[in-house]
Structure formats: structure tokens, C-alpha cells
Amino acid sequence: MMKGVHFQLSIVATLALATFLVSASDPSPLQDFCVAINNTESAVFVNGKFCKDPKFVTANDFFFSGLRIPGNTSNPVGSFVTPANVEQIAGLNTLGISLARIDFAPNGLNPPHTHPRGTEFLIVLEGTLYVGFVTSNGDNNRLFTKVLNKGDVFVFPVGLIHFQLNVGHVNALAVAGLSSQNPGVITIANAVFGSNPPINPDVLAKAFQIDDKEVEYLQKQFWYNNN
């Protein structure tokens, strides 16, 4: 009888260990790519940041005053994003969160973009915003939209294309929180028509079902980088 009990316990322990091993995974990437290198003397980037000696850490490592300053919305899209990620707040390293302030002029747009490494939630502090996101191809690219007023919150799932438009008659202000110390941003128009070097016009003409001249016109535009 005892042998049977011991055998059953061994099976349970083995299954528990296997479950633990299967659920283990690498941390999510915190930059666009990180090519492995054996010679650390030639290393430039790591997945995150090297850590400061705790003895030399100060309160300023966890402080940033930039979000109190309104962004300059005098630009082609009429909005300005002020990020507060690990590049601005060194103490965010390994904590998996970041912030951003977004200022909007009347009719100002934070253009369609994605954050490849972070989910975003947005809270409106002033004004009225029309916001939305588009699901992936497998979900038939469904569009979810909402008009947000002061105090309202909306969530944009990680990696999905989303946008915010000021539909009020006065300036608008929002603050975003993101689930990564370095969520990254890809502004769709910039990436497609403002890449360096430019994408072959034949590729874009076929993809968007337009002619080469329209593609060349769009590639010559000034694509404003809104962080």
C-alpha cells in the first residue's frame, strides 16, 4: 500500500515540475532587437539597462518633472507626446511601467500607431477625445471607438493600431500609462511612407491599390514623429 502511495506522490511531483518548466519563458523584449554577442567588450545594448550600484542610487533616479510642461502642438498633426519611460526615469528599469503626457490642439490627432511592447490605458484630464483601436487580421480588423470626456478611461491592447483625435473646440490633455518600461512606438504613416531608405513604390502601390505617383507624393511628405 505504501509503495502505491509513494508512486502516486512521485507522479504528482513530476507533473508539478513539468508544469513549472513548461510555463517558464524569457522576458518580453524591451527594444526592437538585441543581437547576441559573446564578446561583452563590444556589447552596446542589453534587454533593458545595466543596473546602477544601489549604494549610489538617489531620489532623483525615480523623479521626472517633464509631465508638468505642456507640449508644443504647433505641428502638422496638432498633438505632442511627452514620454516618461526608462529613458527619462532611470528608476523605471525592471519595473515594467511607463507614462506619457499627450497634448492636443483643437482637431489635433495622435495618429494611428502601435506600441509593440505595451498595453496602454488613457485617462482624459481635459477636453473631449474620439479614440479607437483596430483588432488583428484574424479578428477581421474590427474597429472599436469611443468618445471620451474628462475623467474617462480607455484601454488599448498591446500591439494593436490605435489613435486619439480631439473633437472638442478647446485644447485637450490626456495621460497614458503603459505596461512596459520601454513600450516603443510605431507611427503607421511614418513607418510606411517615411522609412529610411524608402520602401520600393511598387510594393506600396500594390499594397494600397494606388499608382506609383501617389506613392511617390506621399513619400515626399514631411512625416512628423510624435514620439
Protein backbone atom coordinates (compact mmCIF):
# COMPACT_ATOMS: atom_id res chain seq x y z
CA MET A 1 0.00 0.00 0.00
CA MET A 2 2.82 2.39 0.95
CA LYS A 3 4.61 1.68 -2.35
CA GLY A 4 1.48 2.73 -4.22
CA VAL A 5 1.24 5.97 -2.23
CA HIS A 6 4.89 6.76 -2.85
CA PHE A 7 4.45 6.07 -6.57
CA GLN A 8 1.44 8.40 -6.76
CA LEU A 9 3.34 11.14 -4.92
CA SER A 10 6.24 10.75 -7.33
CA ILE A 11 3.88 11.14 -10.29
CA VAL A 12 2.33 14.28 -8.76
CA ALA A 13 5.76 15.77 -8.06
CA THR A 14 6.93 15.01 -11.62
CA LEU A 15 3.83 16.59 -13.15
CA ALA A 16 4.21 19.66 -10.94
CA LEU A 17 7.83 20.07 -12.03
CA ALA A 18 6.92 19.60 -15.69
CA THR A 19 4.17 22.20 -15.42
CA PHE A 20 6.64 24.65 -13.89
CA LEU A 21 9.18 24.06 -16.65
CA VAL A 22 6.59 24.42 -19.42
CA SER A 23 5.29 27.72 -18.02
CA ALA A 24 8.75 29.29 -17.82
CA SER A 25 9.62 31.78 -20.55
CA ASP A 26 12.03 34.54 -21.49
CA PRO A 27 11.12 38.12 -20.54
CA SER A 28 9.45 40.19 -23.23
CA PRO A 29 11.87 42.23 -25.38
CA LEU A 30 12.37 45.86 -24.38
CA GLN A 31 13.79 47.06 -27.69
CA ASP A 32 13.33 46.34 -31.40
CA PHE A 33 16.11 43.73 -31.49
CA CYS A 34 19.08 42.53 -29.42
CA VAL A 35 21.65 40.57 -31.44
CA ALA A 36 23.54 38.11 -29.23
CA ILE A 37 27.25 38.73 -28.76
CA ASN A 38 29.89 36.71 -26.92
CA ASN A 39 32.46 39.48 -26.51
CA THR A 40 30.93 41.83 -23.92
CA GLU A 41 33.61 44.45 -24.64
CA SER A 42 31.85 45.03 -27.96
CA ALA A 43 28.34 44.96 -26.46
CA VAL A 44 26.16 48.04 -26.89
CA PHE A 45 22.58 47.10 -25.98
CA VAL A 46 21.02 44.73 -23.46
CA ASN A 47 17.37 43.81 -22.97
CA GLY A 48 16.76 46.68 -20.59
CA LYS A 49 19.55 48.60 -18.88
CA PHE A 50 22.60 47.75 -16.82
CA CYS A 51 21.83 48.34 -13.13
CA LYS A 52 23.33 51.14 -11.06
CA ASP A 53 25.12 50.18 -7.85
CA PRO A 54 22.40 50.52 -5.14
CA LYS A 55 24.84 52.47 -2.95
CA PHE A 56 24.76 55.32 -5.45
CA VAL A 57 21.00 55.43 -6.08
CA THR A 58 19.26 58.70 -5.14
CA ALA A 59 15.68 60.02 -5.14
CA ASN A 60 16.40 61.77 -8.46
CA ASP A 61 16.69 58.35 -10.12
CA PHE A 62 12.93 57.99 -9.58
CA PHE A 63 11.94 61.59 -10.44
CA PHE A 64 10.87 63.40 -13.63
CA SER A 65 9.28 66.84 -13.86
CA GLY A 66 8.68 66.86 -17.62
CA LEU A 67 4.99 65.95 -17.48
CA ARG A 68 4.13 69.29 -15.90
CA ILE A 69 5.21 71.10 -19.09
CA PRO A 70 2.60 71.45 -21.89
CA GLY A 71 3.75 70.03 -25.23
CA ASN A 72 4.04 72.24 -28.31
CA THR A 73 1.13 71.29 -30.57
CA SER A 74 2.17 73.66 -33.40
CA ASN A 75 2.99 70.83 -35.78
CA PRO A 76 1.27 69.09 -38.73
CA VAL A 77 -0.77 66.71 -36.55
CA GLY A 78 -1.69 69.18 -33.79
CA SER A 79 -0.58 67.00 -30.88
CA PHE A 80 2.53 66.37 -28.81
CA VAL A 81 3.55 63.35 -26.76
CA THR A 82 5.87 63.77 -23.77
CA PRO A 83 7.12 60.32 -22.74
CA ALA A 84 8.16 59.30 -19.24
CA ASN A 85 9.78 55.92 -19.78
CA VAL A 86 13.08 54.41 -18.67
CA GLU A 87 14.97 56.91 -20.84
CA GLN A 88 13.60 59.76 -18.71
CA ILE A 89 13.26 57.93 -15.35
CA ALA A 90 16.15 55.54 -14.75
CA GLY A 91 14.38 54.07 -11.72
CA LEU A 92 11.77 52.50 -14.00
CA ASN A 93 14.31 49.91 -15.14
CA THR A 94 12.88 46.39 -14.49
CA LEU A 95 9.57 47.79 -13.14
CA GLY A 96 7.57 47.23 -16.34
CA ILE A 97 5.64 50.52 -16.44
CA SER A 98 5.89 53.97 -18.03
CA LEU A 99 3.81 57.09 -18.65
CA ALA A 100 3.19 59.73 -21.30
CA ARG A 101 1.52 63.13 -21.44
CA ILE A 102 -0.41 63.87 -24.64
CA ASP A 103 -1.40 67.45 -25.53
CA PHE A 104 -3.94 68.17 -28.28
CA ALA A 105 -4.81 71.38 -30.10
CA PRO A 106 -8.41 71.63 -31.37
CA ASN A 107 -8.75 68.92 -34.06
CA GLY A 108 -5.33 67.63 -33.01
CA LEU A 109 -4.60 63.99 -33.76
CA ASN A 110 -2.31 61.43 -32.18
CA PRO A 111 -2.01 59.45 -35.46
CA PRO A 112 -2.63 55.71 -35.81
CA HIS A 113 0.27 53.92 -34.15
CA THR A 114 1.16 50.82 -32.15
CA HIS A 115 3.17 50.05 -29.04
CA PRO A 116 4.85 46.72 -29.79
CA ARG A 117 5.78 46.06 -26.16
CA GLY A 118 2.99 47.52 -24.04
CA THR A 119 -0.72 47.75 -23.34
CA GLU A 120 -1.88 51.36 -22.84
CA PHE A 121 -4.59 52.89 -20.73
CA LEU A 122 -5.55 56.51 -21.33
CA ILE A 123 -7.26 58.94 -18.95
CA VAL A 124 -8.61 62.27 -20.21
CA LEU A 125 -7.76 65.20 -17.96
CA GLU A 126 -9.21 67.98 -20.12
CA GLY A 127 -11.34 68.13 -23.27
CA THR A 128 -13.09 65.54 -25.42
CA LEU A 129 -11.33 62.83 -27.41
CA TYR A 130 -12.51 60.38 -30.04
CA VAL A 131 -10.36 57.25 -29.59
CA GLY A 132 -10.21 53.79 -31.07
CA PHE A 133 -8.23 50.70 -31.95
CA VAL A 134 -8.33 48.04 -34.69
CA THR A 135 -8.11 44.32 -34.00
CA SER A 136 -5.74 41.96 -35.81
CA ASN A 137 -6.37 40.31 -39.19
CA GLY A 138 -7.55 37.12 -37.51
CA ASP A 139 -10.37 39.09 -35.88
CA ASN A 140 -11.36 40.75 -39.17
CA ASN A 141 -9.79 44.13 -38.30
CA ARG A 142 -12.75 45.22 -36.18
CA LEU A 143 -12.77 48.87 -35.12
CA PHE A 144 -13.62 49.80 -31.51
CA THR A 145 -14.22 53.52 -30.86
CA LYS A 146 -15.45 55.72 -28.04
CA VAL A 147 -15.84 59.43 -27.29
CA LEU A 148 -14.11 60.22 -24.00
CA ASN A 149 -14.76 63.17 -21.72
CA LYS A 150 -12.86 64.48 -18.72
CA GLY A 151 -12.17 61.66 -16.26
CA ASP A 152 -12.94 58.85 -18.72
CA VAL A 153 -10.53 55.94 -19.22
CA PHE A 154 -9.92 53.72 -22.27
CA VAL A 155 -7.60 50.75 -22.80
CA PHE A 156 -5.61 49.91 -25.97
CA PRO A 157 -4.40 46.27 -26.07
CA VAL A 158 -0.72 45.64 -26.68
CA GLY A 159 0.45 45.82 -30.30
CA LEU A 160 -2.86 46.97 -31.83
CA ILE A 161 -3.16 50.08 -34.03
CA HIS A 162 -4.88 52.90 -32.15
CA PHE A 163 -5.40 56.68 -32.27
CA GLN A 164 -6.83 59.70 -30.43
CA LEU A 165 -8.50 62.76 -32.00
CA ASN A 166 -9.53 65.96 -30.23
CA VAL A 167 -13.16 66.50 -31.26
CA GLY A 168 -13.71 69.46 -28.92
CA HIS A 169 -13.30 73.17 -29.61
CA VAL A 170 -10.58 73.71 -26.98
CA ASN A 171 -7.24 72.13 -26.14
CA ALA A 172 -7.34 68.61 -24.70
CA LEU A 173 -4.97 66.80 -22.34
CA ALA A 174 -4.57 63.11 -21.56
CA VAL A 175 -2.15 60.95 -19.62
CA ALA A 176 -1.30 57.41 -20.71
CA GLY A 177 0.07 54.55 -18.67
CA LEU A 178 1.87 51.67 -20.41
CA SER A 179 2.79 48.18 -19.27
CA SER A 180 6.47 48.40 -20.23
CA GLN A 181 9.45 50.49 -19.21
CA ASN A 182 10.11 50.93 -22.94
CA PRO A 183 6.88 50.21 -24.87
CA GLY A 184 8.17 51.54 -28.19
CA VAL A 185 6.02 53.31 -30.77
CA ILE A 186 5.46 52.73 -34.49
CA THR A 187 3.53 55.53 -36.22
CA ILE A 188 1.96 53.80 -39.20
CA ALA A 189 2.20 56.58 -41.81
CA ASN A 190 5.79 57.36 -40.80
CA ALA A 191 6.87 53.74 -40.98
CA VAL A 192 5.20 53.03 -44.34
CA PHE A 193 5.84 56.26 -46.27
CA GLY A 194 8.74 57.76 -44.34
CA SER A 195 11.04 54.77 -43.93
CA ASN A 196 14.78 55.21 -44.43
CA PRO A 197 15.59 54.18 -47.11
CA PRO A 198 12.16 54.41 -48.77
CA ILE A 199 10.16 51.26 -49.46
CA ASN A 200 10.03 50.41 -53.18
CA PRO A 201 6.99 52.32 -54.59
CA ASP A 202 5.88 49.17 -56.45
CA VAL A 203 5.40 47.44 -53.10
CA LEU A 204 3.30 50.26 -51.65
CA ALA A 205 1.33 50.81 -54.87
CA LYS A 206 0.25 47.17 -54.87
CA ALA A 207 -0.38 47.08 -51.11
CA PHE A 208 -2.59 50.20 -51.09
CA GLN A 209 -4.01 49.74 -54.61
CA ILE A 210 -2.82 53.18 -55.75
CA ASP A 211 -0.44 54.22 -58.51
CA ASP A 212 3.29 54.89 -58.19
CA LYS A 213 2.87 58.68 -58.49
CA GLU A 214 0.61 58.79 -55.44
CA VAL A 215 3.13 56.70 -53.53
CA GLU A 216 6.00 58.98 -54.54
CA TYR A 217 3.96 62.03 -53.50
CA LEU A 218 3.29 60.54 -50.07
CA GLN A 219 6.93 59.54 -49.63
CA LYS A 220 7.98 63.16 -50.23
CA GLN A 221 5.78 64.49 -47.43
CA PHE A 222 7.25 65.53 -44.07
CA TRP A 223 6.22 62.79 -41.65
CA TYR A 224 6.15 64.30 -38.17
CA ASN A 225 7.48 61.96 -35.48
CA ASN A 226 5.15 62.24 -32.48
CA ASN A 227 7.35 60.05 -30.26
